[in-house]
């Protein structure tokens, strides 16, 4: 796990300065509106964002919320710091790995992650960490790339996944919904309108 995490971190460190540009088309046509929709579901003011990356979610942070955001890539976090200053966003940014969150049990009202668990070496362990730091009854909100339910698309995704993983550090063929459902949440809802390649997921502790 350590070697896998290190390799992924090194890939993100390498592409951090170009990351927003690399994803600009997908962000503009697809992801942006889903980020807005996901953040509109937030219920609570004490929020943890896992995998903040370059700060793509800064525009959707709720007003007057107390937000902490983490990432395991120093270079990505540096980009987030620059964007935080430029946009005058109030958020505490910390270097941290989702496999081992340095927060007490039941700390946050909401834990949120967007396009993160495709890159986590041990996704089930990371999801259980999200559950641990979320208060009872609190929300886990995820927007995640998933393996398509279409057999044709799934075959294509499996074929190109090694290339995507080598370049971007992400796996586009994970069954994240199954992983979430295996983590013992009291409630899991999948947004039926989310697409073939990504899903919006709400879970309750």
N, C-alpha and C. Protein backbone atom coordinates (compact mmCIF):
# COMPACT_ATOMS: atom_id res chain seq x y z
N UNK A 1 0.84 -1.21 0.00
CA UNK A 1 0.00 0.00 0.00
C UNK A 1 0.87 1.25 0.00
N UNK A 2 1.97 1.23 0.82
CA UNK A 2 2.82 2.41 0.90
C UNK A 2 3.44 2.71 -0.45
N UNK A 3 3.91 1.66 -1.17
CA UNK A 3 4.55 1.90 -2.47
C UNK A 3 3.53 2.42 -3.47
N UNK A 4 2.31 1.87 -3.45
CA UNK A 4 1.26 2.34 -4.35
C UNK A 4 0.91 3.80 -4.06
N UNK A 5 0.75 4.13 -2.78
CA UNK A 5 0.42 5.51 -2.40
C UNK A 5 1.53 6.47 -2.80
N UNK A 6 2.77 6.05 -2.62
CA UNK A 6 3.90 6.90 -2.98
C UNK A 6 3.94 7.15 -4.48
N UNK A 7 3.70 6.11 -5.26
CA UNK A 7 3.72 6.27 -6.72
C UNK A 7 2.63 7.22 -7.18
N UNK A 8 1.43 7.09 -6.61
CA UNK A 8 0.32 7.97 -6.98
C UNK A 8 0.62 9.41 -6.56
N UNK A 9 1.16 9.57 -5.35
CA UNK A 9 1.50 10.91 -4.87
C UNK A 9 2.53 11.57 -5.79
N UNK A 10 3.51 10.80 -6.23
CA UNK A 10 4.53 11.34 -7.11
C UNK A 10 3.93 11.77 -8.45
N UNK A 11 2.95 11.00 -8.95
CA UNK A 11 2.29 11.39 -10.20
C UNK A 11 1.55 12.71 -10.03
N UNK A 12 0.83 12.84 -8.92
CA UNK A 12 0.09 14.09 -8.69
C UNK A 12 1.03 15.26 -8.44
N UNK A 13 2.13 15.00 -7.75
CA UNK A 13 3.13 16.06 -7.56
C UNK A 13 3.65 16.54 -8.91
N UNK A 14 3.83 15.60 -9.83
CA UNK A 14 4.39 15.94 -11.15
C UNK A 14 3.43 16.77 -11.98
N UNK A 15 2.13 16.44 -11.94
CA UNK A 15 1.18 17.11 -12.83
C UNK A 15 0.44 18.27 -12.16
N UNK A 16 0.72 18.53 -10.89
CA UNK A 16 -0.04 19.55 -10.14
C UNK A 16 -0.12 20.90 -10.85
N UNK A 17 0.98 21.44 -11.38
CA UNK A 17 0.88 22.77 -12.02
C UNK A 17 0.00 22.79 -13.26
N UNK A 18 -0.23 21.61 -13.87
CA UNK A 18 -0.99 21.54 -15.11
C UNK A 18 -2.35 20.88 -14.93
N UNK A 19 -2.67 20.51 -13.70
CA UNK A 19 -3.83 19.67 -13.43
C UNK A 19 -5.14 20.32 -13.88
N UNK A 20 -5.34 21.59 -13.54
CA UNK A 20 -6.57 22.27 -13.93
C UNK A 20 -6.72 22.33 -15.44
N UNK A 21 -5.63 22.57 -16.13
CA UNK A 21 -5.67 22.62 -17.59
C UNK A 21 -5.99 21.27 -18.20
N UNK A 22 -5.41 20.21 -17.63
CA UNK A 22 -5.64 18.87 -18.15
C UNK A 22 -7.10 18.45 -18.04
N UNK A 23 -7.78 18.96 -17.02
CA UNK A 23 -9.17 18.57 -16.78
C UNK A 23 -10.18 19.64 -17.20
N UNK A 24 -9.72 20.67 -17.87
CA UNK A 24 -10.59 21.82 -18.15
C UNK A 24 -11.84 21.46 -18.95
N UNK A 25 -11.70 20.61 -19.95
CA UNK A 25 -12.86 20.28 -20.79
C UNK A 25 -13.90 19.49 -20.00
N UNK A 26 -13.45 18.43 -19.31
CA UNK A 26 -14.38 17.64 -18.50
C UNK A 26 -14.99 18.48 -17.38
N UNK A 27 -14.19 19.35 -16.82
CA UNK A 27 -14.68 20.21 -15.73
C UNK A 27 -15.77 21.14 -16.24
N UNK A 28 -15.53 21.77 -17.38
CA UNK A 28 -16.49 22.72 -17.90
C UNK A 28 -17.79 22.11 -18.38
N UNK A 29 -17.69 20.94 -19.01
CA UNK A 29 -18.88 20.33 -19.60
C UNK A 29 -19.65 19.42 -18.64
N UNK A 30 -18.95 18.83 -17.67
CA UNK A 30 -19.61 17.83 -16.83
C UNK A 30 -19.48 18.08 -15.32
N UNK A 31 -18.24 18.17 -14.85
CA UNK A 31 -18.02 18.08 -13.41
C UNK A 31 -18.50 19.30 -12.63
N UNK A 32 -18.38 20.49 -13.21
CA UNK A 32 -18.67 21.71 -12.46
C UNK A 32 -20.09 21.72 -11.90
N UNK A 33 -21.06 21.37 -12.73
CA UNK A 33 -22.45 21.42 -12.26
C UNK A 33 -22.72 20.35 -11.20
N UNK A 34 -21.99 19.23 -11.30
CA UNK A 34 -22.18 18.18 -10.31
C UNK A 34 -21.51 18.53 -8.99
N UNK A 35 -20.40 19.24 -9.03
CA UNK A 35 -19.80 19.74 -7.80
C UNK A 35 -20.78 20.68 -7.08
N UNK A 36 -21.37 21.58 -7.84
CA UNK A 36 -22.33 22.53 -7.26
C UNK A 36 -23.52 21.79 -6.64
N UNK A 37 -24.00 20.78 -7.35
CA UNK A 37 -25.13 20.00 -6.85
C UNK A 37 -24.76 19.24 -5.59
N UNK A 38 -23.57 18.68 -5.55
CA UNK A 38 -23.12 17.94 -4.37
C UNK A 38 -23.01 18.84 -3.15
N UNK A 39 -22.38 20.00 -3.31
CA UNK A 39 -22.20 20.90 -2.17
C UNK A 39 -23.52 21.50 -1.71
N UNK A 40 -24.51 21.56 -2.58
CA UNK A 40 -25.83 22.06 -2.19
C UNK A 40 -26.53 21.10 -1.22
N UNK A 41 -26.05 19.87 -1.14
CA UNK A 41 -26.65 18.88 -0.26
C UNK A 41 -26.12 18.93 1.17
N UNK A 42 -25.07 19.74 1.39
CA UNK A 42 -24.41 19.78 2.70
C UNK A 42 -25.37 20.21 3.80
N UNK A 43 -25.39 19.44 4.88
CA UNK A 43 -26.18 19.75 6.07
C UNK A 43 -25.25 19.80 7.27
N UNK A 44 -24.83 20.99 7.65
CA UNK A 44 -23.90 21.13 8.76
C UNK A 44 -22.86 22.17 8.45
N UNK A 45 -22.17 22.61 9.47
CA UNK A 45 -21.20 23.70 9.32
C UNK A 45 -19.76 23.27 9.56
N UNK A 46 -19.55 22.10 10.16
CA UNK A 46 -18.18 21.63 10.43
C UNK A 46 -17.85 20.57 9.39
N UNK A 47 -17.06 20.95 8.39
CA UNK A 47 -16.91 20.15 7.18
C UNK A 47 -15.44 19.78 6.95
N UNK A 48 -15.23 18.52 6.53
CA UNK A 48 -13.92 18.07 6.09
C UNK A 48 -13.99 17.74 4.62
N UNK A 49 -13.14 18.37 3.80
CA UNK A 49 -12.99 17.96 2.41
C UNK A 49 -11.73 17.13 2.27
N UNK A 50 -11.87 15.93 1.78
CA UNK A 50 -10.75 15.01 1.59
C UNK A 50 -10.33 15.06 0.13
N UNK A 51 -9.03 15.20 -0.11
CA UNK A 51 -8.53 15.28 -1.49
C UNK A 51 -8.87 16.61 -2.13
N UNK A 52 -8.49 17.68 -1.48
CA UNK A 52 -8.83 19.02 -1.97
C UNK A 52 -8.18 19.32 -3.31
N UNK A 53 -7.07 18.65 -3.62
CA UNK A 53 -6.40 18.88 -4.90
C UNK A 53 -5.98 20.32 -5.08
N UNK A 54 -6.32 20.90 -6.21
CA UNK A 54 -5.95 22.30 -6.50
C UNK A 54 -7.00 23.29 -6.00
N UNK A 55 -8.03 22.78 -5.34
CA UNK A 55 -9.08 23.67 -4.82
C UNK A 55 -10.24 23.86 -5.78
N UNK A 56 -10.58 22.84 -6.55
CA UNK A 56 -11.68 22.95 -7.52
C UNK A 56 -13.03 23.19 -6.85
N UNK A 57 -13.16 22.84 -5.58
CA UNK A 57 -14.45 23.01 -4.89
C UNK A 57 -14.57 24.34 -4.14
N UNK A 58 -13.55 25.15 -4.16
CA UNK A 58 -13.58 26.39 -3.38
C UNK A 58 -14.79 27.26 -3.70
N UNK A 59 -15.19 27.28 -4.95
CA UNK A 59 -16.30 28.15 -5.37
C UNK A 59 -17.64 27.72 -4.76
N UNK A 60 -17.70 26.51 -4.25
CA UNK A 60 -18.98 25.96 -3.78
C UNK A 60 -19.04 25.81 -2.25
N UNK A 61 -18.01 26.26 -1.57
CA UNK A 61 -18.01 26.16 -0.11
C UNK A 61 -19.16 26.97 0.48
N UNK A 62 -19.91 26.41 1.43
CA UNK A 62 -21.00 27.15 2.07
C UNK A 62 -20.48 28.35 2.86
N UNK A 63 -21.25 29.41 2.83
CA UNK A 63 -20.90 30.60 3.58
C UNK A 63 -20.99 30.29 5.08
N UNK A 64 -20.05 30.80 5.84
CA UNK A 64 -20.03 30.67 7.31
C UNK A 64 -19.76 29.25 7.80
N UNK A 65 -19.36 28.34 6.93
CA UNK A 65 -18.99 26.99 7.38
C UNK A 65 -17.54 26.99 7.88
N UNK A 66 -17.26 26.08 8.78
CA UNK A 66 -15.89 25.87 9.26
C UNK A 66 -15.33 24.68 8.48
N UNK A 67 -14.43 24.95 7.53
CA UNK A 67 -13.99 23.91 6.60
C UNK A 67 -12.50 23.61 6.77
N UNK A 68 -12.21 22.33 6.87
CA UNK A 68 -10.85 21.82 6.84
C UNK A 68 -10.71 20.99 5.57
N UNK A 69 -9.60 21.12 4.88
CA UNK A 69 -9.39 20.38 3.64
C UNK A 69 -7.99 19.78 3.64
N UNK A 70 -7.89 18.53 3.17
CA UNK A 70 -6.61 17.84 3.18
C UNK A 70 -6.26 17.30 1.79
N UNK A 71 -4.97 17.05 1.59
CA UNK A 71 -4.50 16.34 0.41
C UNK A 71 -3.17 15.69 0.76
N UNK A 72 -2.84 14.59 0.09
CA UNK A 72 -1.59 13.90 0.39
C UNK A 72 -0.45 14.32 -0.52
N UNK A 73 -0.75 15.17 -1.52
CA UNK A 73 0.26 15.64 -2.45
C UNK A 73 0.69 17.06 -2.10
N UNK A 74 1.93 17.25 -1.69
CA UNK A 74 2.39 18.61 -1.36
C UNK A 74 2.26 19.59 -2.53
N UNK A 75 2.50 19.11 -3.74
CA UNK A 75 2.43 20.00 -4.90
C UNK A 75 0.99 20.42 -5.20
N UNK A 76 0.05 19.48 -5.06
CA UNK A 76 -1.36 19.84 -5.24
C UNK A 76 -1.80 20.82 -4.16
N UNK A 77 -1.36 20.57 -2.94
CA UNK A 77 -1.72 21.46 -1.83
C UNK A 77 -1.14 22.86 -2.04
N UNK A 78 0.03 22.95 -2.64
CA UNK A 78 0.62 24.25 -2.96
C UNK A 78 -0.28 25.01 -3.94
N UNK A 79 -0.82 24.32 -4.94
CA UNK A 79 -1.74 24.96 -5.88
C UNK A 79 -3.01 25.42 -5.17
N UNK A 80 -3.49 24.61 -4.22
CA UNK A 80 -4.67 24.99 -3.46
C UNK A 80 -4.40 26.22 -2.61
N UNK A 81 -3.20 26.31 -2.04
CA UNK A 81 -2.83 27.48 -1.24
C UNK A 81 -2.84 28.75 -2.09
N UNK A 82 -2.31 28.65 -3.31
CA UNK A 82 -2.30 29.79 -4.21
C UNK A 82 -3.72 30.22 -4.57
N UNK A 83 -4.57 29.23 -4.84
CA UNK A 83 -5.96 29.53 -5.19
C UNK A 83 -6.72 30.08 -3.99
N UNK A 84 -6.42 29.56 -2.81
CA UNK A 84 -7.05 30.06 -1.58
C UNK A 84 -6.77 31.54 -1.41
N UNK A 85 -5.53 31.95 -1.63
CA UNK A 85 -5.16 33.36 -1.51
C UNK A 85 -5.83 34.20 -2.58
N UNK A 86 -5.81 33.69 -3.81
CA UNK A 86 -6.38 34.43 -4.94
C UNK A 86 -7.88 34.64 -4.79
N UNK A 87 -8.58 33.62 -4.28
CA UNK A 87 -10.03 33.69 -4.15
C UNK A 87 -10.49 34.14 -2.76
N UNK A 88 -9.54 34.36 -1.85
CA UNK A 88 -9.86 34.79 -0.47
C UNK A 88 -10.82 33.80 0.20
N UNK A 89 -10.48 32.52 0.10
CA UNK A 89 -11.30 31.46 0.68
C UNK A 89 -10.85 31.18 2.11
N UNK A 90 -11.80 30.98 3.00
CA UNK A 90 -11.49 30.64 4.38
C UNK A 90 -11.54 29.12 4.53
N UNK A 91 -10.37 28.52 4.63
CA UNK A 91 -10.26 27.07 4.77
C UNK A 91 -8.90 26.74 5.38
N UNK A 92 -8.87 25.74 6.27
CA UNK A 92 -7.61 25.26 6.83
C UNK A 92 -7.12 24.11 5.97
N UNK A 93 -5.97 24.28 5.32
CA UNK A 93 -5.41 23.26 4.44
C UNK A 93 -4.32 22.48 5.16
N UNK A 94 -4.40 21.14 5.08
CA UNK A 94 -3.45 20.29 5.78
C UNK A 94 -2.96 19.17 4.87
N UNK A 95 -1.68 18.84 5.01
CA UNK A 95 -1.09 17.71 4.30
C UNK A 95 -1.39 16.44 5.09
N UNK A 96 -2.15 15.52 4.48
CA UNK A 96 -2.60 14.34 5.21
C UNK A 96 -3.07 13.27 4.23
N UNK A 97 -2.95 12.01 4.64
CA UNK A 97 -3.37 10.87 3.84
C UNK A 97 -4.70 10.34 4.37
N UNK A 98 -5.64 10.07 3.48
CA UNK A 98 -6.97 9.61 3.88
C UNK A 98 -6.91 8.25 4.58
N UNK A 99 -5.84 7.48 4.35
CA UNK A 99 -5.73 6.19 5.03
C UNK A 99 -5.58 6.34 6.53
N UNK A 100 -5.11 7.48 6.98
CA UNK A 100 -4.86 7.69 8.41
C UNK A 100 -5.10 9.16 8.75
N UNK A 101 -6.35 9.51 8.98
CA UNK A 101 -6.72 10.89 9.28
C UNK A 101 -6.39 11.23 10.73
N UNK A 102 -5.77 12.38 10.92
CA UNK A 102 -5.34 12.79 12.27
C UNK A 102 -6.42 13.60 12.98
N UNK A 103 -7.64 13.07 12.98
CA UNK A 103 -8.75 13.74 13.66
C UNK A 103 -9.43 12.73 14.58
N UNK A 104 -10.04 13.25 15.62
CA UNK A 104 -10.73 12.39 16.57
C UNK A 104 -12.00 11.81 15.96
N UNK A 105 -12.48 10.73 16.54
CA UNK A 105 -13.75 10.15 16.12
C UNK A 105 -14.87 11.18 16.24
N UNK A 106 -15.82 11.12 15.31
CA UNK A 106 -17.06 11.91 15.41
C UNK A 106 -16.80 13.42 15.43
N UNK A 107 -15.85 13.88 14.62
CA UNK A 107 -15.46 15.29 14.64
C UNK A 107 -16.32 16.16 13.73
N UNK A 108 -16.65 15.67 12.53
CA UNK A 108 -17.23 16.53 11.49
C UNK A 108 -18.70 16.22 11.24
N UNK A 109 -19.45 17.28 10.90
CA UNK A 109 -20.85 17.12 10.48
C UNK A 109 -20.94 16.47 9.11
N UNK A 110 -20.02 16.86 8.24
CA UNK A 110 -20.02 16.41 6.84
C UNK A 110 -18.59 16.11 6.42
N UNK A 111 -18.41 14.98 5.73
CA UNK A 111 -17.14 14.67 5.09
C UNK A 111 -17.42 14.52 3.60
N UNK A 112 -16.64 15.21 2.79
CA UNK A 112 -16.95 15.29 1.35
C UNK A 112 -15.69 15.04 0.53
N UNK A 113 -15.85 14.34 -0.58
CA UNK A 113 -14.73 14.07 -1.48
C UNK A 113 -15.23 14.02 -2.91
N UNK A 114 -14.49 14.63 -3.82
CA UNK A 114 -14.87 14.62 -5.22
C UNK A 114 -13.72 14.07 -6.07
N UNK A 115 -13.99 12.96 -6.75
CA UNK A 115 -13.02 12.32 -7.63
C UNK A 115 -11.71 12.01 -6.90
N UNK A 116 -11.86 11.37 -5.76
CA UNK A 116 -10.72 11.07 -4.88
C UNK A 116 -10.44 9.57 -4.81
N UNK A 117 -11.48 8.76 -4.62
CA UNK A 117 -11.25 7.36 -4.29
C UNK A 117 -10.81 6.53 -5.49
N UNK A 118 -10.79 7.11 -6.65
CA UNK A 118 -10.17 6.45 -7.81
C UNK A 118 -8.66 6.39 -7.65
N UNK A 119 -8.11 7.21 -6.74
CA UNK A 119 -6.66 7.30 -6.57
C UNK A 119 -6.17 6.78 -5.22
N UNK A 120 -7.07 6.33 -4.37
CA UNK A 120 -6.69 5.86 -3.04
C UNK A 120 -6.25 4.40 -3.12
N UNK A 121 -5.07 4.11 -2.57
CA UNK A 121 -4.52 2.76 -2.69
C UNK A 121 -5.42 1.71 -2.05
N UNK A 122 -5.95 2.02 -0.87
CA UNK A 122 -6.86 1.11 -0.16
C UNK A 122 -8.18 1.86 0.07
N UNK A 123 -9.05 1.89 -0.94
CA UNK A 123 -10.24 2.73 -0.85
C UNK A 123 -11.18 2.37 0.30
N UNK A 124 -11.33 1.08 0.61
CA UNK A 124 -12.21 0.70 1.71
C UNK A 124 -11.68 1.24 3.04
N UNK A 125 -10.38 1.17 3.24
CA UNK A 125 -9.77 1.72 4.45
C UNK A 125 -10.00 3.23 4.53
N UNK A 126 -9.85 3.91 3.40
CA UNK A 126 -10.08 5.35 3.37
C UNK A 126 -11.53 5.70 3.67
N UNK A 127 -12.47 4.94 3.12
CA UNK A 127 -13.89 5.19 3.38
C UNK A 127 -14.23 4.98 4.86
N UNK A 128 -13.61 3.99 5.46
CA UNK A 128 -13.86 3.74 6.88
C UNK A 128 -13.28 4.87 7.75
N UNK A 129 -12.20 5.48 7.29
CA UNK A 129 -11.66 6.65 7.99
C UNK A 129 -12.64 7.83 7.90
N UNK A 130 -13.26 8.01 6.72
CA UNK A 130 -14.27 9.05 6.58
C UNK A 130 -15.41 8.82 7.56
N UNK A 131 -15.85 7.57 7.67
CA UNK A 131 -16.92 7.24 8.61
C UNK A 131 -16.50 7.50 10.05
N UNK A 132 -15.27 7.15 10.37
CA UNK A 132 -14.80 7.31 11.75
C UNK A 132 -14.83 8.77 12.20
N UNK A 133 -14.40 9.68 11.35
CA UNK A 133 -14.30 11.09 11.77
C UNK A 133 -15.62 11.84 11.60
N UNK A 134 -16.61 11.21 10.98
CA UNK A 134 -17.93 11.83 10.81
C UNK A 134 -18.79 11.55 12.04
N UNK A 135 -19.54 12.52 12.48
CA UNK A 135 -20.38 12.33 13.67
C UNK A 135 -21.54 11.38 13.35
N UNK A 136 -22.12 10.74 14.35
CA UNK A 136 -23.29 9.89 14.13
C UNK A 136 -24.42 10.68 13.48
N UNK A 137 -24.99 10.13 12.41
CA UNK A 137 -26.03 10.82 11.66
C UNK A 137 -25.51 11.79 10.63
N UNK A 138 -24.20 12.03 10.62
CA UNK A 138 -23.60 12.97 9.68
C UNK A 138 -23.53 12.42 8.26
N UNK A 139 -23.16 13.30 7.33
CA UNK A 139 -23.15 12.95 5.91
C UNK A 139 -21.75 12.62 5.40
N UNK A 140 -21.70 11.62 4.54
CA UNK A 140 -20.54 11.39 3.68
C UNK A 140 -21.02 11.66 2.26
N UNK A 141 -20.46 12.66 1.60
CA UNK A 141 -20.88 13.05 0.26
C UNK A 141 -19.73 12.81 -0.71
N UNK A 142 -20.00 12.03 -1.76
CA UNK A 142 -18.96 11.64 -2.71
C UNK A 142 -19.41 11.88 -4.15
N UNK A 143 -18.50 12.35 -4.95
CA UNK A 143 -18.67 12.40 -6.40
C UNK A 143 -17.49 11.63 -6.95
N UNK A 144 -17.76 10.45 -7.55
CA UNK A 144 -16.66 9.52 -7.85
C UNK A 144 -16.77 8.91 -9.24
N UNK A 145 -15.61 8.75 -9.88
CA UNK A 145 -15.54 7.98 -11.11
C UNK A 145 -15.79 6.52 -10.78
N UNK A 146 -16.57 5.84 -11.62
CA UNK A 146 -16.90 4.44 -11.38
C UNK A 146 -16.87 3.66 -12.69
N UNK A 147 -16.77 2.35 -12.56
CA UNK A 147 -16.86 1.48 -13.72
C UNK A 147 -18.29 1.50 -14.26
N UNK A 148 -18.44 1.72 -15.56
CA UNK A 148 -19.76 1.83 -16.16
C UNK A 148 -20.54 0.52 -16.04
N UNK A 149 -21.87 0.65 -15.91
CA UNK A 149 -22.74 -0.53 -15.89
C UNK A 149 -22.94 -1.10 -17.30
N UNK A 150 -22.55 -0.34 -18.31
CA UNK A 150 -22.60 -0.83 -19.69
C UNK A 150 -21.40 -1.75 -19.93
N UNK A 151 -21.66 -2.98 -20.39
CA UNK A 151 -20.57 -3.94 -20.58
C UNK A 151 -19.56 -3.46 -21.62
N UNK A 152 -20.05 -2.80 -22.66
CA UNK A 152 -19.15 -2.29 -23.70
C UNK A 152 -18.25 -1.19 -23.15
N UNK A 153 -18.86 -0.24 -22.45
CA UNK A 153 -18.07 0.85 -21.87
C UNK A 153 -17.13 0.34 -20.78
N UNK A 154 -17.61 -0.62 -20.00
CA UNK A 154 -16.78 -1.19 -18.93
C UNK A 154 -15.54 -1.87 -19.52
N UNK A 155 -15.71 -2.58 -20.63
CA UNK A 155 -14.58 -3.23 -21.29
C UNK A 155 -13.57 -2.19 -21.77
N UNK A 156 -14.08 -1.12 -22.36
CA UNK A 156 -13.20 -0.05 -22.83
C UNK A 156 -12.46 0.61 -21.66
N UNK A 157 -13.17 0.86 -20.58
CA UNK A 157 -12.55 1.49 -19.40
C UNK A 157 -11.47 0.60 -18.81
N UNK A 158 -11.72 -0.70 -18.76
CA UNK A 158 -10.72 -1.64 -18.25
C UNK A 158 -9.48 -1.67 -19.15
N UNK A 159 -9.69 -1.52 -20.44
CA UNK A 159 -8.57 -1.55 -21.38
C UNK A 159 -7.67 -0.33 -21.25
N UNK A 160 -8.28 0.85 -21.08
CA UNK A 160 -7.48 2.08 -21.04
C UNK A 160 -7.06 2.47 -19.63
N UNK A 161 -7.57 1.76 -18.61
CA UNK A 161 -7.25 2.14 -17.24
C UNK A 161 -5.74 2.16 -16.94
N UNK A 162 -4.95 1.19 -17.42
CA UNK A 162 -3.51 1.25 -17.13
C UNK A 162 -2.84 2.52 -17.65
N UNK A 163 -3.31 3.03 -18.79
CA UNK A 163 -2.74 4.26 -19.34
C UNK A 163 -3.12 5.45 -18.47
N UNK A 164 -4.41 5.54 -18.10
CA UNK A 164 -4.87 6.63 -17.25
C UNK A 164 -4.15 6.61 -15.91
N UNK A 165 -4.00 5.41 -15.36
CA UNK A 165 -3.33 5.30 -14.06
C UNK A 165 -1.88 5.74 -14.14
N UNK A 166 -1.19 5.36 -15.23
CA UNK A 166 0.21 5.72 -15.38
C UNK A 166 0.41 7.23 -15.53
N UNK A 167 -0.52 7.88 -16.25
CA UNK A 167 -0.38 9.31 -16.52
C UNK A 167 -0.93 10.16 -15.37
N UNK A 168 -2.15 9.81 -14.90
CA UNK A 168 -2.87 10.66 -13.95
C UNK A 168 -2.87 10.12 -12.52
N UNK A 169 -2.53 8.86 -12.34
CA UNK A 169 -2.57 8.28 -11.01
C UNK A 169 -3.95 7.85 -10.55
N UNK A 170 -4.92 7.82 -11.47
CA UNK A 170 -6.30 7.50 -11.12
C UNK A 170 -6.74 6.21 -11.80
N UNK A 171 -7.63 5.48 -11.11
CA UNK A 171 -8.27 4.30 -11.69
C UNK A 171 -9.69 4.66 -12.08
N UNK A 172 -10.03 4.48 -13.35
CA UNK A 172 -11.37 4.86 -13.81
C UNK A 172 -12.34 3.67 -13.79
N UNK A 173 -11.89 2.52 -13.28
CA UNK A 173 -12.70 1.31 -13.36
C UNK A 173 -13.02 0.70 -11.99
N UNK A 174 -13.08 1.51 -10.96
CA UNK A 174 -13.38 0.98 -9.63
C UNK A 174 -14.89 0.90 -9.38
N UNK A 175 -15.29 -0.12 -8.62
CA UNK A 175 -16.68 -0.26 -8.22
C UNK A 175 -16.86 0.41 -6.87
N UNK A 176 -16.81 1.74 -6.87
CA UNK A 176 -16.85 2.51 -5.64
C UNK A 176 -18.19 2.38 -4.92
N UNK A 177 -19.27 2.21 -5.66
CA UNK A 177 -20.58 2.05 -5.03
C UNK A 177 -20.59 0.80 -4.15
N UNK A 178 -20.06 -0.29 -4.68
CA UNK A 178 -19.99 -1.54 -3.90
C UNK A 178 -19.13 -1.34 -2.66
N UNK A 179 -18.03 -0.62 -2.80
CA UNK A 179 -17.15 -0.36 -1.66
C UNK A 179 -17.85 0.45 -0.58
N UNK A 180 -18.59 1.48 -0.99
CA UNK A 180 -19.33 2.31 -0.03
C UNK A 180 -20.36 1.46 0.71
N UNK A 181 -21.08 0.62 -0.03
CA UNK A 181 -22.12 -0.20 0.58
C UNK A 181 -21.55 -1.26 1.53
N UNK A 182 -20.27 -1.56 1.39
CA UNK A 182 -19.64 -2.56 2.26
C UNK A 182 -19.12 -1.97 3.58
N UNK A 183 -19.25 -0.66 3.74
CA UNK A 183 -18.64 0.02 4.89
C UNK A 183 -19.58 0.21 6.09
N UNK A 184 -20.78 -0.35 6.02
CA UNK A 184 -21.66 -0.34 7.18
C UNK A 184 -22.39 0.96 7.44
N UNK A 185 -22.55 1.80 6.43
CA UNK A 185 -23.31 3.03 6.61
C UNK A 185 -24.80 2.70 6.83
N UNK A 186 -25.48 3.54 7.58
CA UNK A 186 -26.90 3.30 7.86
C UNK A 186 -27.77 3.61 6.65
N UNK A 187 -27.23 4.40 5.71
CA UNK A 187 -28.01 4.85 4.55
C UNK A 187 -27.05 5.15 3.42
N UNK A 188 -27.36 4.66 2.22
CA UNK A 188 -26.57 4.98 1.03
C UNK A 188 -27.53 5.28 -0.11
N UNK A 189 -27.36 6.45 -0.73
CA UNK A 189 -28.22 6.84 -1.86
C UNK A 189 -27.34 7.22 -3.04
N UNK A 190 -27.67 6.66 -4.21
CA UNK A 190 -26.96 6.98 -5.45
C UNK A 190 -27.86 7.85 -6.31
N UNK A 191 -27.39 9.00 -6.70
CA UNK A 191 -28.18 9.89 -7.54
C UNK A 191 -28.42 9.24 -8.90
N UNK A 192 -29.67 9.01 -9.22
CA UNK A 192 -30.02 8.30 -10.46
C UNK A 192 -29.66 9.09 -11.71
N UNK A 193 -29.52 10.40 -11.59
CA UNK A 193 -29.23 11.24 -12.75
C UNK A 193 -27.75 11.34 -13.06
N UNK A 194 -26.89 10.88 -12.14
CA UNK A 194 -25.46 10.93 -12.43
C UNK A 194 -25.13 9.92 -13.52
N UNK A 195 -24.02 10.16 -14.23
CA UNK A 195 -23.80 9.49 -15.50
C UNK A 195 -23.20 8.10 -15.44
N UNK A 196 -22.81 7.60 -16.62
CA UNK A 196 -22.22 6.26 -16.75
C UNK A 196 -20.85 6.18 -16.10
N UNK A 197 -20.11 7.30 -16.09
CA UNK A 197 -18.72 7.27 -15.68
C UNK A 197 -18.48 7.82 -14.27
N UNK A 198 -19.45 8.46 -13.70
CA UNK A 198 -19.29 8.96 -12.33
C UNK A 198 -20.65 8.95 -11.64
N UNK A 199 -20.60 8.85 -10.31
CA UNK A 199 -21.82 8.79 -9.52
C UNK A 199 -21.73 9.76 -8.34
N UNK A 200 -22.88 10.36 -8.00
CA UNK A 200 -22.99 11.15 -6.79
C UNK A 200 -23.61 10.27 -5.72
N UNK A 201 -22.90 10.16 -4.61
CA UNK A 201 -23.26 9.23 -3.56
C UNK A 201 -23.43 10.00 -2.24
N UNK A 202 -24.53 9.74 -1.54
CA UNK A 202 -24.71 10.27 -0.19
C UNK A 202 -24.86 9.09 0.76
N UNK A 203 -24.04 9.07 1.79
CA UNK A 203 -24.13 8.04 2.83
C UNK A 203 -24.32 8.72 4.18
N UNK A 204 -24.94 8.00 5.10
CA UNK A 204 -25.12 8.48 6.47
C UNK A 204 -24.48 7.50 7.42
N UNK A 205 -23.81 8.04 8.41
CA UNK A 205 -23.18 7.19 9.42
C UNK A 205 -24.22 6.61 10.35
